[in-house]
Amino acid sequence: MTVISEPSSESAEATPQFEKAAQRKESRRGFFLALPSYLYLIIFFVIPLAIVLVYSFATRNRFGGTDLSGWNFASYERIAEPIVRTILFRSLWLAFLTTIICLLIAYPFAYFLATRRPAIRNVMLVFVMIPFWTNFLVRNFAWRVILGNDGPLTKTTEFLGLGTHELLFSQKAVVLGLVYGYLPFMILPLYAAIERIDGQLIEASRDLYGSGWQSFRNVLLPLSMPGVIAGSILVFIPSLGAYVTPEILGGAKTTLLGSYIVTQFLTARNWPFGAALSFVLMAVMLVGTVIYFRKGGRTL
């Protein structure tokens, strides 16, 4: 006859300790696996960000150098100057306008995309991703050719008798380039949000005698709001700090914040002021990123 002994009180008390030891072992293994990523972020993100912060409190001497000994807030006080406020408001306005245009174009397209058969949907998704296969700089130069005085757009308007329309080196050209460049960043989050919505909810709304507008306003839009927020943040943040598109399509009359920061570093050689502007821009982007993770990122 085999006698089964009951577990001793010592082994029962040791079980939670074994679980904690296993958790600590798993945590250490996860830390070592992620250590290369941590080192990469510290070297290429944290340290450069700290350098920019230090330089933003420095002083520019009369020889164009940077004096790190006398810290002050002079560079941050210059942000209130009229020219800086004008560039800042212009950048905010164009980024906001780009976001609104992208939203108006992307929402119906994303809804149409999410309601198609899988075969058609996959093909259309490939079409959305095709612009990413070409360098962003090359695409902006292509728009410069299209919008130029001898470009196909001008030739078409002249042939139709509509006169010459010079869009290049204007705010319209900048907005057009930004919308073209960042439209996929609005389409993809909206598609991901709308594709998860149960179509029977919209059918139920229509069965309850709700109009198309009422079904959109009361059912579709609230359920797809995480995608709207995520797409808006993903378009607004890069549009606010855009440099390539304004430089190629905008010209000197449409200087935006990104171009102005580059000018301070490379032309004016005012590194403290450029660092202060950069840090303010990063703070705005950080606020947008926090909003994205709190409102949109968790539910996508």
C-alpha atoms as a PDB file:
ATOM      1  CA  MET A   1       0.000   0.000   0.000  1.00  0.00           C
ATOM      2  CA  THR A   2       1.425   3.293  -1.102  1.00  0.00           C
ATOM      3  CA  VAL A   3       1.172   6.112   1.343  1.00  0.00           C
ATOM      4  CA  ILE A   4       0.866   9.594  -0.177  1.00  0.00           C
ATOM      5  CA  SER A   5       2.380  12.143   2.134  1.00  0.00           C
ATOM      6  CA  GLU A   6       0.905  15.591   2.375  1.00  0.00           C
ATOM      7  CA  PRO A   7       3.126  18.477   1.350  1.00  0.00           C
ATOM      8  CA  SER A   8       4.994  19.962   4.232  1.00  0.00           C
ATOM      9  CA  SER A   9       4.319  23.456   5.442  1.00  0.00           C
ATOM     10  CA  GLU A  10       7.848  24.512   4.435  1.00  0.00           C
ATOM     11  CA  SER A  11       7.336  23.606   0.748  1.00  0.00           C
ATOM     12  CA  ALA A  12       3.929  25.329   0.721  1.00  0.00           C
ATOM     13  CA  GLU A  13       5.460  28.479   2.132  1.00  0.00           C
ATOM     14  CA  ALA A  14       8.321  28.380  -0.393  1.00  0.00           C
ATOM     15  CA  THR A  15       6.017  28.392  -3.468  1.00  0.00           C
ATOM     16  CA  PRO A  16       5.472  32.190  -3.576  1.00  0.00           C
ATOM     17  CA  GLN A  17       9.224  32.680  -3.251  1.00  0.00           C
ATOM     18  CA  PHE A  18       9.832  30.381  -6.214  1.00  0.00           C
ATOM     19  CA  GLU A  19       7.269  32.360  -8.238  1.00  0.00           C
ATOM     20  CA  LYS A  20       8.964  35.647  -7.381  1.00  0.00           C
ATOM     21  CA  ALA A  21      12.361  34.193  -8.265  1.00  0.00           C
ATOM     22  CA  ALA A  22      11.009  32.986 -11.600  1.00  0.00           C
ATOM     23  CA  GLN A  23       9.504  36.409 -12.280  1.00  0.00           C
ATOM     24  CA  ARG A  24      12.813  38.102 -11.470  1.00  0.00           C
ATOM     25  CA  LYS A  25      14.635  35.683 -13.749  1.00  0.00           C
ATOM     26  CA  GLU A  26      12.171  36.363 -16.567  1.00  0.00           C
ATOM     27  CA  SER A  27      12.493  40.119 -15.990  1.00  0.00           C
ATOM     28  CA  ARG A  28      16.299  39.945 -16.163  1.00  0.00           C
ATOM     29  CA  ARG A  29      16.129  37.921 -19.355  1.00  0.00           C
ATOM     30  CA  GLY A  30      13.745  40.468 -20.888  1.00  0.00           C
ATOM     31  CA  PHE A  31      16.040  43.302 -19.835  1.00  0.00           C
ATOM     32  CA  PHE A  32      19.087  41.721 -21.482  1.00  0.00           C
ATOM     33  CA  LEU A  33      17.106  40.998 -24.647  1.00  0.00           C
ATOM     34  CA  ALA A  34      16.004  44.632 -24.814  1.00  0.00           C
ATOM     35  CA  LEU A  35      19.415  46.022 -23.810  1.00  0.00           C
ATOM     36  CA  PRO A  36      20.535  46.751 -27.432  1.00  0.00           C
ATOM     37  CA  SER A  37      17.335  48.747 -27.978  1.00  0.00           C
ATOM     38  CA  TYR A  38      17.869  50.656 -24.737  1.00  0.00           C
ATOM     39  CA  LEU A  39      21.447  51.487 -25.722  1.00  0.00           C
ATOM     40  CA  TYR A  40      20.319  52.605 -29.172  1.00  0.00           C
ATOM     41  CA  LEU A  41      17.661  54.930 -27.712  1.00  0.00           C
ATOM     42  CA  ILE A  42      20.084  56.368 -25.139  1.00  0.00           C
ATOM     43  CA  ILE A  43      22.866  57.008 -27.668  1.00  0.00           C
ATOM     44  CA  PHE A  44      20.798  58.309 -30.570  1.00  0.00           C
ATOM     45  CA  PHE A  45      17.814  59.871 -28.774  1.00  0.00           C
ATOM     46  CA  VAL A  46      18.350  60.688 -25.093  1.00  0.00           C
ATOM     47  CA  ILE A  47      21.897  62.056 -25.405  1.00  0.00           C
ATOM     48  CA  PRO A  48      21.177  64.253 -28.499  1.00  0.00           C
ATOM     49  CA  LEU A  49      18.000  65.520 -26.811  1.00  0.00           C
ATOM     50  CA  ALA A  50      19.999  66.429 -23.694  1.00  0.00           C
ATOM     51  CA  ILE A  51      22.573  68.254 -25.853  1.00  0.00           C
ATOM     52  CA  VAL A  52      19.823  70.260 -27.572  1.00  0.00           C
ATOM     53  CA  LEU A  53      18.359  71.160 -24.169  1.00  0.00           C
ATOM     54  CA  VAL A  54      21.744  72.326 -22.866  1.00  0.00           C
ATOM     55  CA  TYR A  55      22.429  74.411 -25.978  1.00  0.00           C
ATOM     56  CA  SER A  56      19.004  76.072 -25.719  1.00  0.00           C
ATOM     57  CA  PHE A  57      20.147  77.763 -22.481  1.00  0.00           C
ATOM     58  CA  ALA A  58      23.548  78.785 -23.861  1.00  0.00           C
ATOM     59  CA  THR A  59      24.630  82.185 -25.189  1.00  0.00           C
ATOM     60  CA  ARG A  60      25.768  83.108 -28.698  1.00  0.00           C
ATOM     61  CA  ASN A  61      28.921  85.236 -28.695  1.00  0.00           C
ATOM     62  CA  ARG A  62      29.783  87.938 -31.198  1.00  0.00           C
ATOM     63  CA  PHE A  63      32.015  85.597 -33.205  1.00  0.00           C
ATOM     64  CA  GLY A  64      29.115  83.224 -33.982  1.00  0.00           C
ATOM     65  CA  GLY A  65      30.212  80.652 -31.423  1.00  0.00           C
ATOM     66  CA  THR A  66      28.286  79.233 -28.478  1.00  0.00           C
ATOM     67  CA  ASP A  67      29.155  80.013 -24.871  1.00  0.00           C
ATOM     68  CA  LEU A  68      27.980  77.233 -22.547  1.00  0.00           C
ATOM     69  CA  SER A  69      29.124  78.944 -19.351  1.00  0.00           C
ATOM     70  CA  GLY A  70      26.431  81.583 -18.992  1.00  0.00           C
ATOM     71  CA  TRP A  71      23.042  79.909 -18.971  1.00  0.00           C
ATOM     72  CA  ASN A  72      19.965  82.071 -19.560  1.00  0.00           C
ATOM     73  CA  PHE A  73      16.462  82.102 -21.057  1.00  0.00           C
ATOM     74  CA  ALA A  74      17.251  84.650 -23.783  1.00  0.00           C
ATOM     75  CA  SER A  75      16.675  82.161 -26.602  1.00  0.00           C
ATOM     76  CA  TYR A  76      13.258  81.208 -25.255  1.00  0.00           C
ATOM     77  CA  GLU A  77      12.342  84.870 -24.836  1.00  0.00           C
ATOM     78  CA  ARG A  78      13.074  85.455 -28.537  1.00  0.00           C
ATOM     79  CA  ILE A  79      10.260  83.073 -29.462  1.00  0.00           C
ATOM     80  CA  ALA A  80       7.836  85.906 -28.641  1.00  0.00           C
ATOM     81  CA  GLU A  81       9.323  88.107 -31.399  1.00  0.00           C
ATOM     82  CA  PRO A  82       6.892  89.059 -34.208  1.00  0.00           C
ATOM     83  CA  ILE A  83       8.758  87.218 -36.978  1.00  0.00           C
ATOM     84  CA  VAL A  84       8.903  84.011 -34.933  1.00  0.00           C
ATOM     85  CA  ARG A  85       5.215  84.281 -34.018  1.00  0.00           C
ATOM     86  CA  THR A  86       4.348  84.777 -37.681  1.00  0.00           C
ATOM     87  CA  ILE A  87       6.302  81.688 -38.732  1.00  0.00           C
ATOM     88  CA  LEU A  88       4.862  79.673 -35.838  1.00  0.00           C
ATOM     89  CA  PHE A  89       1.249  80.611 -36.597  1.00  0.00           C
ATOM     90  CA  ARG A  90       1.814  79.973 -40.311  1.00  0.00           C
ATOM     91  CA  SER A  91       3.216  76.529 -39.535  1.00  0.00           C
ATOM     92  CA  LEU A  92       0.316  75.730 -37.194  1.00  0.00           C
ATOM     93  CA  TRP A  93      -2.237  76.932 -39.747  1.00  0.00           C
ATOM     94  CA  LEU A  94      -0.763  74.958 -42.660  1.00  0.00           C
ATOM     95  CA  ALA A  95      -0.399  71.842 -40.490  1.00  0.00           C
ATOM     96  CA  PHE A  96      -4.021  72.189 -39.335  1.00  0.00           C
ATOM     97  CA  LEU A  97      -5.224  72.778 -42.914  1.00  0.00           C
ATOM     98  CA  THR A  98      -3.260  69.755 -44.148  1.00  0.00           C
ATOM     99  CA  THR A  99      -4.809  67.600 -41.420  1.00  0.00           C
ATOM    100  CA  ILE A 100      -8.361  68.718 -42.242  1.00  0.00           C
ATOM    101  CA  ILE A 101      -7.913  68.138 -46.003  1.00  0.00           C
ATOM    102  CA  CYS A 102      -6.381  64.709 -45.395  1.00  0.00           C
ATOM    103  CA  LEU A 103      -9.276  63.804 -43.095  1.00  0.00           C
ATOM    104  CA  LEU A 104     -11.911  64.897 -45.615  1.00  0.00           C
ATOM    105  CA  ILE A 105     -10.245  62.882 -48.372  1.00  0.00           C
ATOM    106  CA  ALA A 106      -9.219  59.841 -46.334  1.00  0.00           C
ATOM    107  CA  TYR A 107     -12.438  59.165 -44.406  1.00  0.00           C
ATOM    108  CA  PRO A 108     -14.713  58.295 -47.354  1.00  0.00           C
ATOM    109  CA  PHE A 109     -11.864  56.434 -49.040  1.00  0.00           C
ATOM    110  CA  ALA A 110     -11.147  54.422 -45.872  1.00  0.00           C
ATOM    111  CA  TYR A 111     -14.851  53.603 -45.486  1.00  0.00           C
ATOM    112  CA  PHE A 112     -15.056  52.495 -49.114  1.00  0.00           C
ATOM    113  CA  LEU A 113     -11.876  50.451 -48.626  1.00  0.00           C
ATOM    114  CA  ALA A 114     -13.148  48.764 -45.455  1.00  0.00           C
ATOM    115  CA  THR A 115     -16.441  47.730 -47.065  1.00  0.00           C
ATOM    116  CA  ARG A 116     -14.947  46.015 -50.139  1.00  0.00           C
ATOM    117  CA  ARG A 117     -14.284  42.334 -50.653  1.00  0.00           C
ATOM    118  CA  PRO A 118     -10.889  41.122 -49.315  1.00  0.00           C
ATOM    119  CA  ALA A 119      -9.386  40.707 -52.793  1.00  0.00           C
ATOM    120  CA  ILE A 120     -10.255  44.255 -53.858  1.00  0.00           C
ATOM    121  CA  ARG A 121      -9.295  45.586 -50.436  1.00  0.00           C
ATOM    122  CA  ASN A 122      -5.800  44.120 -50.616  1.00  0.00           C
ATOM    123  CA  VAL A 123      -5.194  45.590 -54.069  1.00  0.00           C
ATOM    124  CA  MET A 124      -6.344  49.021 -52.930  1.00  0.00           C
ATOM    125  CA  LEU A 125      -4.107  48.815 -49.849  1.00  0.00           C
ATOM    126  CA  VAL A 126      -1.154  48.165 -52.135  1.00  0.00           C
ATOM    127  CA  PHE A 127      -2.068  51.293 -54.101  1.00  0.00           C
ATOM    128  CA  VAL A 128      -2.100  53.274 -50.840  1.00  0.00           C
ATOM    129  CA  MET A 129       1.370  51.973 -49.961  1.00  0.00           C
ATOM    130  CA  ILE A 130       2.927  52.527 -53.418  1.00  0.00           C
ATOM    131  CA  PRO A 131       4.061  56.134 -52.663  1.00  0.00           C
ATOM    132  CA  PHE A 132       6.256  54.788 -49.857  1.00  0.00           C
ATOM    133  CA  TRP A 133       8.251  52.841 -52.439  1.00  0.00           C
ATOM    134  CA  THR A 134       9.658  56.115 -53.789  1.00  0.00           C
ATOM    135  CA  ASN A 135      11.920  58.506 -51.923  1.00  0.00           C
ATOM    136  CA  PHE A 136      10.057  61.424 -50.345  1.00  0.00           C
ATOM    137  CA  LEU A 137      12.521  63.937 -51.807  1.00  0.00           C
ATOM    138  CA  VAL A 138      12.032  62.584 -55.329  1.00  0.00           C
ATOM    139  CA  ARG A 139       8.240  62.848 -54.980  1.00  0.00           C
ATOM    140  CA  ASN A 140       8.499  66.489 -53.952  1.00  0.00           C
ATOM    141  CA  PHE A 141      10.708  67.283 -56.928  1.00  0.00           C
ATOM    142  CA  ALA A 142       8.117  65.568 -59.135  1.00  0.00           C
ATOM    143  CA  TRP A 143       5.483  67.985 -57.818  1.00  0.00           C
ATOM    144  CA  ARG A 144       7.865  70.845 -58.536  1.00  0.00           C
ATOM    145  CA  VAL A 145       7.939  69.778 -62.178  1.00  0.00           C
ATOM    146  CA  ILE A 146       4.148  69.375 -62.288  1.00  0.00           C
ATOM    147  CA  LEU A 147       3.460  72.790 -60.727  1.00  0.00           C
ATOM    148  CA  GLY A 148       6.223  74.670 -62.592  1.00  0.00           C
ATOM    149  CA  ASN A 149       5.660  77.305 -65.254  1.00  0.00           C
ATOM    150  CA  ASP A 150       6.439  74.777 -67.998  1.00  0.00           C
ATOM    151  CA  GLY A 151       4.735  71.886 -66.215  1.00  0.00           C
ATOM    152  CA  PRO A 152       1.749  69.868 -67.408  1.00  0.00           C
ATOM    153  CA  LEU A 153      -0.663  71.730 -65.126  1.00  0.00           C
ATOM    154  CA  THR A 154       0.201  75.112 -66.617  1.00  0.00           C
ATOM    155  CA  LYS A 155       0.113  73.695 -70.139  1.00  0.00           C
ATOM    156  CA  THR A 156      -3.329  72.224 -69.513  1.00  0.00           C
ATOM    157  CA  THR A 157      -4.790  75.482 -68.168  1.00  0.00           C
ATOM    158  CA  GLU A 158      -3.335  77.399 -71.093  1.00  0.00           C
ATOM    159  CA  PHE A 159      -4.783  74.908 -73.580  1.00  0.00           C
ATOM    160  CA  LEU A 160      -8.222  75.244 -71.974  1.00  0.00           C
ATOM    161  CA  GLY A 161      -8.002  79.018 -72.118  1.00  0.00           C
ATOM    162  CA  LEU A 162      -7.919  79.441 -68.347  1.00  0.00           C
ATOM    163  CA  GLY A 163      -4.671  81.381 -68.345  1.00  0.00           C
ATOM    164  CA  THR A 164      -1.470  80.663 -66.445  1.00  0.00           C
ATOM    165  CA  HIS A 165      -1.821  79.569 -62.831  1.00  0.00           C
ATOM    166  CA  GLU A 166       1.444  79.759 -60.914  1.00  0.00           C
ATOM    167  CA  LEU A 167       1.072  77.448 -57.924  1.00  0.00           C
ATOM    168  CA  LEU A 168       4.761  76.784 -57.369  1.00  0.00           C
ATOM    169  CA  PHE A 169       6.453  78.675 -54.503  1.00  0.00           C
ATOM    170  CA  SER A 170       3.175  79.386 -52.716  1.00  0.00           C
ATOM    171  CA  GLN A 171       1.280  78.146 -49.672  1.00  0.00           C
ATOM    172  CA  LYS A 172      -1.078  76.248 -51.971  1.00  0.00           C
ATOM    173  CA  ALA A 173       1.834  74.261 -53.354  1.00  0.00           C
ATOM    174  CA  VAL A 174       3.084  73.505 -49.832  1.00  0.00           C
ATOM    175  CA  VAL A 175      -0.338  72.291 -48.691  1.00  0.00           C
ATOM    176  CA  LEU A 176      -0.686  70.189 -51.841  1.00  0.00           C
ATOM    177  CA  GLY A 177       2.706  68.583 -51.253  1.00  0.00           C
ATOM    178  CA  LEU A 178       1.992  67.932 -47.580  1.00  0.00           C
ATOM    179  CA  VAL A 179      -1.410  66.400 -48.317  1.00  0.00           C
ATOM    180  CA  TYR A 180       0.102  64.156 -50.962  1.00  0.00           C
ATOM    181  CA  GLY A 181       2.960  63.109 -48.675  1.00  0.00           C
ATOM    182  CA  TYR A 182       0.990  62.408 -45.496  1.00  0.00           C
ATOM    183  CA  LEU A 183      -2.384  61.235 -46.828  1.00  0.00           C
ATOM    184  CA  PRO A 184      -1.517  57.521 -46.317  1.00  0.00           C
ATOM    185  CA  PHE A 185      -0.866  58.250 -42.621  1.00  0.00           C
ATOM    186  CA  MET A 186      -4.509  59.302 -42.359  1.00  0.00           C
ATOM    187  CA  ILE A 187      -5.970  56.527 -44.496  1.00  0.00           C
ATOM    188  CA  LEU A 188      -4.375  53.582 -42.696  1.00  0.00           C
ATOM    189  CA  PRO A 189      -5.515  54.393 -39.100  1.00  0.00           C
ATOM    190  CA  LEU A 190      -9.015  55.239 -40.362  1.00  0.00           C
ATOM    191  CA  TYR A 191      -9.165  51.991 -42.299  1.00  0.00           C
ATOM    192  CA  ALA A 192      -8.027  50.011 -39.234  1.00  0.00           C
ATOM    193  CA  ALA A 193     -10.718  51.661 -37.084  1.00  0.00           C
ATOM    194  CA  ILE A 194     -13.591  51.406 -39.581  1.00  0.00           C
ATOM    195  CA  GLU A 195     -12.751  47.821 -40.577  1.00  0.00           C
ATOM    196  CA  ARG A 196     -13.318  46.694 -36.967  1.00  0.00           C
ATOM    197  CA  ILE A 197     -16.794  48.230 -36.728  1.00  0.00           C
ATOM    198  CA  ASP A 198     -19.629  45.712 -36.952  1.00  0.00           C
ATOM    199  CA  GLY A 199     -21.627  46.550 -40.066  1.00  0.00           C
ATOM    200  CA  GLN A 200     -24.798  45.317 -38.396  1.00  0.00           C
ATOM    201  CA  LEU A 201     -24.740  48.373 -36.130  1.00  0.00           C
ATOM    202  CA  ILE A 202     -25.100  50.658 -39.136  1.00  0.00           C
ATOM    203  CA  GLU A 203     -27.800  48.407 -40.590  1.00  0.00           C
ATOM    204  CA  ALA A 204     -29.669  48.569 -37.279  1.00  0.00           C
ATOM    205  CA  SER A 205     -29.481  52.345 -37.369  1.00  0.00           C
ATOM    206  CA  ARG A 206     -30.991  52.391 -40.856  1.00  0.00           C
ATOM    207  CA  ASP A 207     -33.679  49.896 -39.792  1.00  0.00           C
ATOM    208  CA  LEU A 208     -34.639  52.334 -37.033  1.00  0.00           C
ATOM    209  CA  TYR A 209     -35.357  54.926 -39.736  1.00  0.00           C
ATOM    210  CA  GLY A 210     -32.111  56.762 -39.271  1.00  0.00           C
ATOM    211  CA  SER A 211     -30.900  58.680 -42.288  1.00  0.00           C
ATOM    212  CA  GLY A 212     -27.438  58.206 -43.740  1.00  0.00           C
ATOM    213  CA  TRP A 213     -26.210  61.351 -42.004  1.00  0.00           C
ATOM    214  CA  GLN A 214     -27.711  60.301 -38.664  1.00  0.00           C
ATOM    215  CA  SER A 215     -26.144  56.842 -38.931  1.00  0.00           C
ATOM    216  CA  PHE A 216     -22.788  58.414 -39.708  1.00  0.00           C
ATOM    217  CA  ARG A 217     -23.001  60.999 -36.919  1.00  0.00           C
ATOM    218  CA  ASN A 218     -24.371  58.736 -34.177  1.00  0.00           C
ATOM    219  CA  VAL A 219     -22.842  55.355 -35.026  1.00  0.00           C
ATOM    220  CA  LEU A 220     -19.976  55.372 -37.503  1.00  0.00           C
ATOM    221  CA  LEU A 221     -18.151  58.531 -36.462  1.00  0.00           C
ATOM    222  CA  PRO A 222     -18.079  57.846 -32.672  1.00  0.00           C
ATOM    223  CA  LEU A 223     -16.891  54.274 -33.205  1.00  0.00           C
ATOM    224  CA  SER A 224     -14.193  55.386 -35.647  1.00  0.00           C
ATOM    225  CA  MET A 225     -13.038  58.317 -33.512  1.00  0.00           C
ATOM    226  CA  PRO A 226      -9.839  56.519 -32.355  1.00  0.00           C
ATOM    227  CA  GLY A 227      -8.795  56.297 -36.005  1.00  0.00           C
ATOM    228  CA  VAL A 228      -9.643  59.966 -36.565  1.00  0.00           C
ATOM    229  CA  ILE A 229      -7.525  60.997 -33.574  1.00  0.00           C
ATOM    230  CA  ALA A 230      -4.619  58.736 -34.500  1.00  0.00           C
ATOM    231  CA  GLY A 231      -4.605  59.811 -38.142  1.00  0.00           C
ATOM    232  CA  SER A 232      -4.875  63.501 -37.238  1.00  0.00           C
ATOM    233  CA  ILE A 233      -1.911  63.278 -34.874  1.00  0.00           C
ATOM    234  CA  LEU A 234       0.162  61.300 -37.381  1.00  0.00           C
ATOM    235  CA  VAL A 235      -0.464  63.972 -40.037  1.00  0.00           C
ATOM    236  CA  PHE A 236      -0.343  67.103 -37.875  1.00  0.00           C
ATOM    237  CA  ILE A 237       2.959  66.346 -36.123  1.00  0.00           C
ATOM    238  CA  PRO A 238       5.154  65.828 -39.228  1.00  0.00           C
ATOM    239  CA  SER A 239       3.362  68.643 -41.078  1.00  0.00           C
ATOM    240  CA  LEU A 240       4.194  71.069 -38.269  1.00  0.00           C
ATOM    241  CA  GLY A 241       7.919  70.334 -38.476  1.00  0.00           C
ATOM    242  CA  ALA A 242       8.095  69.738 -42.239  1.00  0.00           C
ATOM    243  CA  TYR A 243      11.276  70.889 -43.939  1.00  0.00           C
ATOM    244  CA  VAL A 244      11.657  69.182 -47.342  1.00  0.00           C
ATOM    245  CA  THR A 245       8.252  70.093 -48.801  1.00  0.00           C
ATOM    246  CA  PRO A 246       8.298  73.812 -47.830  1.00  0.00           C
ATOM    247  CA  GLU A 247      11.858  74.173 -49.080  1.00  0.00           C
ATOM    248  CA  ILE A 248      11.154  72.625 -52.486  1.00  0.00           C
ATOM    249  CA  LEU A 249       7.595  73.830 -53.141  1.00  0.00           C
ATOM    250  CA  GLY A 250       7.251  76.881 -50.918  1.00  0.00           C
ATOM    251  CA  GLY A 251      10.165  79.177 -51.562  1.00  0.00           C
ATOM    252  CA  ALA A 252      11.234  82.085 -49.372  1.00  0.00           C
ATOM    253  CA  LYS A 253       7.713  83.481 -48.916  1.00  0.00           C
ATOM    254  CA  THR A 254       6.412  80.391 -47.128  1.00  0.00           C
ATOM    255  CA  THR A 255       9.091  79.771 -44.521  1.00  0.00           C
ATOM    256  CA  LEU A 256       7.841  77.311 -41.939  1.00  0.00           C
ATOM    257  CA  LEU A 257       9.161  76.362 -38.546  1.00  0.00           C
ATOM    258  CA  GLY A 258      11.337  73.485 -39.776  1.00  0.00           C
ATOM    259  CA  SER A 259      13.045  75.645 -42.400  1.00  0.00           C
ATOM    260  CA  TYR A 260      13.531  78.475 -39.898  1.00  0.00           C
ATOM    261  CA  ILE A 261      15.218  76.129 -37.418  1.00  0.00           C
ATOM    262  CA  VAL A 262      17.617  74.865 -40.105  1.00  0.00           C
ATOM    263  CA  THR A 263      18.413  78.472 -41.018  1.00  0.00           C
ATOM    264  CA  GLN A 264      19.337  79.258 -37.422  1.00  0.00           C
ATOM    265  CA  PHE A 265      21.759  76.333 -37.276  1.00  0.00           C
ATOM    266  CA  LEU A 266      23.379  76.520 -40.720  1.00  0.00           C
ATOM    267  CA  THR A 267      23.067  80.131 -41.880  1.00  0.00           C
ATOM    268  CA  ALA A 268      22.640  82.430 -38.879  1.00  0.00           C
ATOM    269  CA  ARG A 269      24.850  80.162 -36.727  1.00  0.00           C
ATOM    270  CA  ASN A 270      22.646  80.896 -33.730  1.00  0.00           C
ATOM    271  CA  TRP A 271      22.679  77.452 -32.193  1.00  0.00           C
ATOM    272  CA  PRO A 272      21.071  78.424 -28.855  1.00  0.00           C
ATOM    273  CA  PHE A 273      18.050  79.975 -30.573  1.00  0.00           C
ATOM    274  CA  GLY A 274      17.768  77.050 -33.004  1.00  0.00           C
ATOM    275  CA  ALA A 275      17.990  74.612 -30.091  1.00  0.00           C
ATOM    276  CA  ALA A 276      15.265  76.496 -28.195  1.00  0.00           C
ATOM    277  CA  LEU A 277      12.958  76.394 -31.228  1.00  0.00           C
ATOM    278  CA  SER A 278      13.723  72.709 -31.709  1.00  0.00           C
ATOM    279  CA  PHE A 279      12.933  71.920 -28.104  1.00  0.00           C
ATOM    280  CA  VAL A 280       9.641  73.833 -28.245  1.00  0.00           C
ATOM    281  CA  LEU A 281       8.733  71.951 -31.421  1.00  0.00           C
ATOM    282  CA  MET A 282       9.604  68.642 -29.764  1.00  0.00           C
ATOM    283  CA  ALA A 283       7.445  69.602 -26.770  1.00  0.00           C
ATOM    284  CA  VAL A 284       4.482  70.220 -29.072  1.00  0.00           C
ATOM    285  CA  MET A 285       5.077  66.879 -30.760  1.00  0.00           C
ATOM    286  CA  LEU A 286       5.353  65.177 -27.378  1.00  0.00           C
ATOM    287  CA  VAL A 287       1.954  66.569 -26.365  1.00  0.00           C
ATOM    288  CA  GLY A 288       0.480  65.271 -29.610  1.00  0.00           C
ATOM    289  CA  THR A 289       2.047  61.847 -29.047  1.00  0.00           C
ATOM    290  CA  VAL A 290       0.639  61.660 -25.507  1.00  0.00           C
ATOM    291  CA  ILE A 291      -2.820  62.540 -26.846  1.00  0.00           C
ATOM    292  CA  TYR A 292      -2.442  59.828 -29.470  1.00  0.00           C
ATOM    293  CA  PHE A 293      -1.587  57.120 -26.936  1.00  0.00           C
ATOM    294  CA  ARG A 294      -4.231  58.205 -24.436  1.00  0.00           C
ATOM    295  CA  LYS A 295      -7.098  58.691 -26.888  1.00  0.00           C
ATOM    296  CA  GLY A 296      -6.363  56.746 -30.034  1.00  0.00           C
ATOM    297  CA  GLY A 297      -3.440  54.389 -29.640  1.00  0.00           C
ATOM    298  CA  ARG A 298      -4.960  52.105 -27.006  1.00  0.00           C
ATOM    299  CA  THR A 299      -8.058  51.239 -29.013  1.00  0.00           C
ATOM    300  CA  LEU A 300      -6.483  50.696 -32.434  1.00  0.00           C
END
